[in-house]
Amino acid sequence: MGSPKQLRKQYEKPKKLFDKDRIEREKKLKEEYGLKNAREVWKADTELRKIRRDARRLLSRKGKNVEDRTKKLVDRVKRFLIRKPEVSLDDILALEVRDLLERRLQTIAYKKHMAKTIVQARQFITHGHVAINDEKVSVPSYTVRFDEEAAVSWYGNPIETVAKPEKAKAAAKEAAKEEPASGQEKAEPAVAAAVANGGSQ
């Protein structure tokens, strides 16, 4: 065993680093979820691999206390990853990396319209503007439990960033309605002048 103070890697590197398909997939995930680098994808991959490995062992009925271990794994997944009353080991094996990335605090904050972009959500979290149950959380990769999701809010005063989608759509509709009207108002004097000139001739 090493020293408990020694930091250990929380991820496993891909066996083939220069795989075009994998690199493209990681690039899309980084852009979609505002990740800093590929290591954050590798961390999620590693975590998912551990969960699925445990599920496969339990399905093969290997080891002792299989029922207790199955219950612990299912309870853990129901808290973080699968919001269903009944979760089976097959459901756990069907999990994907996106399922883990969707539960990041950065993703949750962005989907709650606390930031204009997913990258801005990361910035707000690292700068200490986001809290869970009024406690500051400055780790964008923090995995939010389902019972914590409603408690994700601002730490201190809210930062006004972007209007809610409903308000933004309403404002866009109003602007679209006003544009033809304003154009018509500008055209009416010109038409009136043309009529007056024609009448004078």
C-alpha atoms as a PDB file:
ATOM      1  CA  MET A   1       0.000   0.000   0.000  1.00  0.00           C
ATOM      2  CA  GLY A   2       1.161   3.494  -0.759  1.00  0.00           C
ATOM      3  CA  SER A   3       0.960   6.561   1.388  1.00  0.00           C
ATOM      4  CA  PRO A   4      -2.616   7.817   1.987  1.00  0.00           C
ATOM      5  CA  LYS A   5      -1.315  11.314   1.237  1.00  0.00           C
ATOM      6  CA  GLN A   6      -0.130  10.231  -2.197  1.00  0.00           C
ATOM      7  CA  LEU A   7      -2.494  11.409  -4.909  1.00  0.00           C
ATOM      8  CA  ARG A   8      -3.534   8.637  -7.236  1.00  0.00           C
ATOM      9  CA  LYS A   9      -4.902   8.829 -10.730  1.00  0.00           C
ATOM     10  CA  GLN A  10      -8.677   8.662 -10.836  1.00  0.00           C
ATOM     11  CA  TYR A  11      -8.737   7.429 -14.398  1.00  0.00           C
ATOM     12  CA  GLU A  12      -7.218   4.895 -16.751  1.00  0.00           C
ATOM     13  CA  LYS A  13      -5.712   6.004 -20.038  1.00  0.00           C
ATOM     14  CA  PRO A  14      -7.047   4.379 -23.213  1.00  0.00           C
ATOM     15  CA  LYS A  15      -4.902   1.508 -24.430  1.00  0.00           C
ATOM     16  CA  LYS A  16      -4.733   3.072 -27.884  1.00  0.00           C
ATOM     17  CA  LEU A  17      -4.147   6.818 -27.470  1.00  0.00           C
ATOM     18  CA  PHE A  18      -4.246   7.696 -31.167  1.00  0.00           C
ATOM     19  CA  ASP A  19      -7.606   6.207 -32.091  1.00  0.00           C
ATOM     20  CA  LYS A  20      -9.403   8.556 -34.478  1.00  0.00           C
ATOM     21  CA  ASP A  21     -12.943   7.399 -33.644  1.00  0.00           C
ATOM     22  CA  ARG A  22     -12.369   7.668 -29.899  1.00  0.00           C
ATOM     23  CA  ILE A  23     -10.733  11.093 -30.220  1.00  0.00           C
ATOM     24  CA  GLU A  24     -13.696  12.381 -32.244  1.00  0.00           C
ATOM     25  CA  ARG A  25     -16.127  10.998 -29.674  1.00  0.00           C
ATOM     26  CA  GLU A  26     -14.214  12.612 -26.816  1.00  0.00           C
ATOM     27  CA  LYS A  27     -14.080  15.921 -28.691  1.00  0.00           C
ATOM     28  CA  LYS A  28     -17.870  15.982 -29.052  1.00  0.00           C
ATOM     29  CA  LEU A  29     -18.343  15.172 -25.380  1.00  0.00           C
ATOM     30  CA  LYS A  30     -15.907  17.908 -24.347  1.00  0.00           C
ATOM     31  CA  GLU A  31     -17.780  20.498 -26.405  1.00  0.00           C
ATOM     32  CA  GLU A  32     -21.233  19.343 -25.306  1.00  0.00           C
ATOM     33  CA  TYR A  33     -20.471  19.187 -21.589  1.00  0.00           C
ATOM     34  CA  GLY A  34     -17.853  21.954 -21.345  1.00  0.00           C
ATOM     35  CA  LEU A  35     -15.084  19.645 -20.187  1.00  0.00           C
ATOM     36  CA  LYS A  36     -11.580  20.981 -19.707  1.00  0.00           C
ATOM     37  CA  ASN A  37      -9.709  18.098 -21.323  1.00  0.00           C
ATOM     38  CA  ALA A  38      -9.959  14.440 -22.304  1.00  0.00           C
ATOM     39  CA  ARG A  39      -8.970  13.329 -18.803  1.00  0.00           C
ATOM     40  CA  GLU A  40     -12.428  14.287 -17.563  1.00  0.00           C
ATOM     41  CA  VAL A  41     -13.933  11.926 -20.131  1.00  0.00           C
ATOM     42  CA  TRP A  42     -11.487   9.224 -19.041  1.00  0.00           C
ATOM     43  CA  LYS A  43     -12.550   9.684 -15.410  1.00  0.00           C
ATOM     44  CA  ALA A  44     -16.199   9.138 -16.347  1.00  0.00           C
ATOM     45  CA  ASP A  45     -15.208   6.142 -18.491  1.00  0.00           C
ATOM     46  CA  THR A  46     -13.257   4.638 -15.594  1.00  0.00           C
ATOM     47  CA  GLU A  47     -16.105   5.158 -13.122  1.00  0.00           C
ATOM     48  CA  LEU A  48     -18.604   3.611 -15.532  1.00  0.00           C
ATOM     49  CA  ARG A  49     -16.270   0.683 -16.160  1.00  0.00           C
ATOM     50  CA  LYS A  50     -16.092  -0.039 -12.401  1.00  0.00           C
ATOM     51  CA  ILE A  51     -19.876   0.094 -12.009  1.00  0.00           C
ATOM     52  CA  ARG A  52     -20.483  -2.202 -14.971  1.00  0.00           C
ATOM     53  CA  ARG A  53     -17.741  -4.597 -13.826  1.00  0.00           C
ATOM     54  CA  ASP A  54     -19.440  -4.927 -10.429  1.00  0.00           C
ATOM     55  CA  ALA A  55     -22.782  -5.544 -12.157  1.00  0.00           C
ATOM     56  CA  ARG A  56     -21.289  -8.307 -14.338  1.00  0.00           C
ATOM     57  CA  ARG A  57     -19.737 -10.006 -11.299  1.00  0.00           C
ATOM     58  CA  LEU A  58     -23.059  -9.916  -9.500  1.00  0.00           C
ATOM     59  CA  LEU A  59     -24.857 -11.357 -12.520  1.00  0.00           C
ATOM     60  CA  SER A  60     -22.384 -14.236 -12.577  1.00  0.00           C
ATOM     61  CA  ARG A  61     -23.115 -14.779  -8.847  1.00  0.00           C
ATOM     62  CA  LYS A  62     -19.411 -14.640  -7.986  1.00  0.00           C
ATOM     63  CA  GLY A  63     -18.273 -14.030  -4.423  1.00  0.00           C
ATOM     64  CA  LYS A  64     -20.107 -13.917  -1.114  1.00  0.00           C
ATOM     65  CA  ASN A  65     -23.163 -11.936  -0.018  1.00  0.00           C
ATOM     66  CA  VAL A  66     -24.337 -11.436  -3.586  1.00  0.00           C
ATOM     67  CA  GLU A  67     -27.783 -10.186  -2.516  1.00  0.00           C
ATOM     68  CA  ASP A  68     -26.369  -7.549  -0.161  1.00  0.00           C
ATOM     69  CA  ARG A  69     -23.822  -6.377  -2.719  1.00  0.00           C
ATOM     70  CA  THR A  70     -26.508  -6.183  -5.388  1.00  0.00           C
ATOM     71  CA  LYS A  71     -28.722  -4.072  -3.125  1.00  0.00           C
ATOM     72  CA  LYS A  72     -25.850  -1.677  -2.339  1.00  0.00           C
ATOM     73  CA  LEU A  73     -24.974  -1.242  -6.017  1.00  0.00           C
ATOM     74  CA  VAL A  74     -28.603  -0.715  -7.045  1.00  0.00           C
ATOM     75  CA  ASP A  75     -29.178   1.804  -4.229  1.00  0.00           C
ATOM     76  CA  ARG A  76     -26.063   3.706  -5.256  1.00  0.00           C
ATOM     77  CA  VAL A  77     -27.120   3.862  -8.904  1.00  0.00           C
ATOM     78  CA  LYS A  78     -30.665   4.945  -7.960  1.00  0.00           C
ATOM     79  CA  ARG A  79     -29.254   7.866  -5.960  1.00  0.00           C
ATOM     80  CA  PHE A  80     -27.087   9.217  -8.768  1.00  0.00           C
ATOM     81  CA  LEU A  81     -27.727   7.760 -12.213  1.00  0.00           C
ATOM     82  CA  ILE A  82     -31.079   6.042 -12.812  1.00  0.00           C
ATOM     83  CA  ARG A  83     -34.288   7.664 -11.622  1.00  0.00           C
ATOM     84  CA  LYS A  84     -36.555   4.615 -11.591  1.00  0.00           C
ATOM     85  CA  PRO A  85     -38.466   2.853  -8.791  1.00  0.00           C
ATOM     86  CA  GLU A  86     -37.060  -0.511  -9.843  1.00  0.00           C
ATOM     87  CA  VAL A  87     -33.519  -0.873 -11.201  1.00  0.00           C
ATOM     88  CA  SER A  88     -32.059  -4.133 -12.440  1.00  0.00           C
ATOM     89  CA  LEU A  89     -28.476  -5.146 -13.148  1.00  0.00           C
ATOM     90  CA  ASP A  90     -29.336  -5.086 -16.852  1.00  0.00           C
ATOM     91  CA  ASP A  91     -30.267  -1.391 -16.491  1.00  0.00           C
ATOM     92  CA  ILE A  92     -26.864  -0.764 -14.927  1.00  0.00           C
ATOM     93  CA  LEU A  93     -25.088  -2.545 -17.776  1.00  0.00           C
ATOM     94  CA  ALA A  94     -26.965  -0.306 -20.240  1.00  0.00           C
ATOM     95  CA  LEU A  95     -25.498   2.888 -18.733  1.00  0.00           C
ATOM     96  CA  GLU A  96     -23.351   5.108 -20.948  1.00  0.00           C
ATOM     97  CA  VAL A  97     -20.754   7.809 -20.288  1.00  0.00           C
ATOM     98  CA  ARG A  98     -23.337  10.497 -21.066  1.00  0.00           C
ATOM     99  CA  ASP A  99     -25.420   9.273 -18.120  1.00  0.00           C
ATOM    100  CA  LEU A 100     -22.556  10.127 -15.779  1.00  0.00           C
ATOM    101  CA  LEU A 101     -21.778  13.457 -17.456  1.00  0.00           C
ATOM    102  CA  GLU A 102     -25.445  14.457 -17.185  1.00  0.00           C
ATOM    103  CA  ARG A 103     -25.186  14.256 -13.385  1.00  0.00           C
ATOM    104  CA  ARG A 104     -22.228  16.648 -13.099  1.00  0.00           C
ATOM    105  CA  LEU A 105     -22.901  19.848 -11.173  1.00  0.00           C
ATOM    106  CA  GLN A 106     -21.738  21.836 -14.202  1.00  0.00           C
ATOM    107  CA  THR A 107     -24.409  20.215 -16.392  1.00  0.00           C
ATOM    108  CA  ILE A 108     -27.153  20.585 -13.784  1.00  0.00           C
ATOM    109  CA  ALA A 109     -26.384  24.292 -13.252  1.00  0.00           C
ATOM    110  CA  TYR A 110     -26.486  24.953 -17.000  1.00  0.00           C
ATOM    111  CA  LYS A 111     -29.781  23.091 -17.452  1.00  0.00           C
ATOM    112  CA  LYS A 112     -31.278  25.141 -14.627  1.00  0.00           C
ATOM    113  CA  HIS A 113     -30.505  28.261 -16.715  1.00  0.00           C
ATOM    114  CA  MET A 114     -27.959  29.582 -14.239  1.00  0.00           C
ATOM    115  CA  ALA A 115     -25.517  30.341 -17.087  1.00  0.00           C
ATOM    116  CA  LYS A 116     -25.637  31.278 -20.745  1.00  0.00           C
ATOM    117  CA  THR A 117     -23.259  28.490 -21.766  1.00  0.00           C
ATOM    118  CA  ILE A 118     -21.976  25.245 -20.304  1.00  0.00           C
ATOM    119  CA  VAL A 119     -18.503  26.800 -20.080  1.00  0.00           C
ATOM    120  CA  GLN A 120     -19.850  29.769 -18.134  1.00  0.00           C
ATOM    121  CA  ALA A 121     -21.511  27.342 -15.721  1.00  0.00           C
ATOM    122  CA  ARG A 122     -18.092  25.822 -15.034  1.00  0.00           C
ATOM    123  CA  GLN A 123     -16.652  29.282 -14.405  1.00  0.00           C
ATOM    124  CA  PHE A 124     -19.394  30.182 -11.915  1.00  0.00           C
ATOM    125  CA  ILE A 125     -18.832  26.938 -10.010  1.00  0.00           C
ATOM    126  CA  THR A 126     -15.045  27.261  -9.804  1.00  0.00           C
ATOM    127  CA  HIS A 127     -15.401  30.884  -8.656  1.00  0.00           C
ATOM    128  CA  GLY A 128     -17.651  29.785  -5.794  1.00  0.00           C
ATOM    129  CA  HIS A 129     -21.001  31.158  -6.965  1.00  0.00           C
ATOM    130  CA  VAL A 130     -22.946  27.875  -6.847  1.00  0.00           C
ATOM    131  CA  ALA A 131     -24.195  26.042  -3.767  1.00  0.00           C
ATOM    132  CA  ILE A 132     -26.092  22.901  -2.818  1.00  0.00           C
ATOM    133  CA  ASN A 133     -28.309  23.243   0.258  1.00  0.00           C
ATOM    134  CA  ASP A 134     -26.693  26.662   0.854  1.00  0.00           C
ATOM    135  CA  GLU A 135     -23.220  25.095   1.005  1.00  0.00           C
ATOM    136  CA  LYS A 136     -20.703  26.294  -1.573  1.00  0.00           C
ATOM    137  CA  VAL A 137     -19.497  23.638  -4.028  1.00  0.00           C
ATOM    138  CA  SER A 138     -16.590  24.643  -6.265  1.00  0.00           C
ATOM    139  CA  VAL A 139     -16.048  21.332  -8.082  1.00  0.00           C
ATOM    140  CA  PRO A 140     -17.690  21.213 -11.553  1.00  0.00           C
ATOM    141  CA  SER A 141     -17.409  17.398 -11.682  1.00  0.00           C
ATOM    142  CA  TYR A 142     -19.336  16.949  -8.411  1.00  0.00           C
ATOM    143  CA  THR A 143     -21.961  14.247  -8.972  1.00  0.00           C
ATOM    144  CA  VAL A 144     -25.363  15.589  -7.951  1.00  0.00           C
ATOM    145  CA  ARG A 145     -27.779  13.182  -6.290  1.00  0.00           C
ATOM    146  CA  PHE A 146     -31.387  13.257  -7.432  1.00  0.00           C
ATOM    147  CA  ASP A 147     -32.498  14.497  -4.010  1.00  0.00           C
ATOM    148  CA  GLU A 148     -29.953  17.357  -4.218  1.00  0.00           C
ATOM    149  CA  GLU A 149     -30.894  18.579  -7.692  1.00  0.00           C
ATOM    150  CA  ALA A 150     -33.675  20.919  -6.492  1.00  0.00           C
ATOM    151  CA  ALA A 151     -31.264  22.412  -3.924  1.00  0.00           C
ATOM    152  CA  VAL A 152     -28.721  23.574  -6.535  1.00  0.00           C
ATOM    153  CA  SER A 153     -28.799  27.379  -6.372  1.00  0.00           C
ATOM    154  CA  TRP A 154     -26.646  30.483  -6.072  1.00  0.00           C
ATOM    155  CA  TYR A 155     -24.220  30.946  -3.209  1.00  0.00           C
ATOM    156  CA  GLY A 156     -25.037  34.455  -2.048  1.00  0.00           C
ATOM    157  CA  ASN A 157     -26.587  36.947  -4.453  1.00  0.00           C
ATOM    158  CA  PRO A 158     -27.881  35.520  -7.759  1.00  0.00           C
ATOM    159  CA  ILE A 159     -26.039  36.480 -10.930  1.00  0.00           C
ATOM    160  CA  GLU A 160     -28.322  37.708 -13.690  1.00  0.00           C
ATOM    161  CA  THR A 161     -27.097  35.991 -16.839  1.00  0.00           C
ATOM    162  CA  VAL A 162     -29.880  35.102 -19.226  1.00  0.00           C
ATOM    163  CA  ALA A 163     -33.653  35.273 -19.364  1.00  0.00           C
ATOM    164  CA  LYS A 164     -35.675  32.097 -19.036  1.00  0.00           C
ATOM    165  CA  PRO A 165     -36.478  30.384 -22.335  1.00  0.00           C
ATOM    166  CA  GLU A 166     -40.176  31.297 -22.100  1.00  0.00           C
ATOM    167  CA  LYS A 167     -39.373  34.979 -21.606  1.00  0.00           C
ATOM    168  CA  ALA A 168     -36.760  34.917 -24.358  1.00  0.00           C
ATOM    169  CA  LYS A 169     -39.233  33.388 -26.818  1.00  0.00           C
ATOM    170  CA  ALA A 170     -41.918  35.912 -25.878  1.00  0.00           C
ATOM    171  CA  ALA A 171     -39.486  38.791 -26.337  1.00  0.00           C
ATOM    172  CA  ALA A 172     -38.467  37.455 -29.748  1.00  0.00           C
ATOM    173  CA  LYS A 173     -42.109  37.218 -30.850  1.00  0.00           C
ATOM    174  CA  GLU A 174     -42.806  40.764 -29.710  1.00  0.00           C
ATOM    175  CA  ALA A 175     -39.757  42.022 -31.587  1.00  0.00           C
ATOM    176  CA  ALA A 176     -40.866  40.186 -34.730  1.00  0.00           C
ATOM    177  CA  LYS A 177     -44.321  41.775 -34.490  1.00  0.00           C
ATOM    178  CA  GLU A 178     -42.935  45.272 -34.012  1.00  0.00           C
ATOM    179  CA  GLU A 179     -40.544  45.190 -36.992  1.00  0.00           C
ATOM    180  CA  PRO A 180     -43.209  45.143 -39.768  1.00  0.00           C
ATOM    181  CA  ALA A 181     -45.260  47.719 -37.910  1.00  0.00           C
ATOM    182  CA  SER A 182     -42.343  50.128 -37.657  1.00  0.00           C
ATOM    183  CA  GLY A 183     -41.540  49.595 -41.332  1.00  0.00           C
ATOM    184  CA  GLN A 184     -45.132  50.295 -42.262  1.00  0.00           C
ATOM    185  CA  GLU A 185     -45.112  53.524 -40.255  1.00  0.00           C
ATOM    186  CA  LYS A 186     -42.038  54.665 -42.158  1.00  0.00           C
ATOM    187  CA  ALA A 187     -43.599  53.766 -45.493  1.00  0.00           C
ATOM    188  CA  GLU A 188     -46.921  55.530 -44.870  1.00  0.00           C
ATOM    189  CA  PRO A 189     -45.520  59.111 -45.035  1.00  0.00           C
ATOM    190  CA  ALA A 190     -43.763  58.281 -48.305  1.00  0.00           C
ATOM    191  CA  VAL A 191     -46.997  56.929 -49.798  1.00  0.00           C
ATOM    192  CA  ALA A 192     -48.903  59.973 -48.599  1.00  0.00           C
ATOM    193  CA  ALA A 193     -46.307  62.280 -50.164  1.00  0.00           C
ATOM    194  CA  ALA A 194     -46.497  60.413 -53.478  1.00  0.00           C
ATOM    195  CA  VAL A 195     -50.291  60.691 -53.505  1.00  0.00           C
ATOM    196  CA  ALA A 196     -50.094  64.413 -52.699  1.00  0.00           C
ATOM    197  CA  ASN A 197     -47.586  65.032 -55.512  1.00  0.00           C
ATOM    198  CA  GLY A 198     -49.724  63.119 -57.954  1.00  0.00           C
ATOM    199  CA  GLY A 199     -52.760  65.050 -56.951  1.00  0.00           C
ATOM    200  CA  SER A 200     -50.968  68.351 -57.352  1.00  0.00           C
ATOM    201  CA  GLN A 201     -49.916  67.436 -60.899  1.00  0.00           C
END
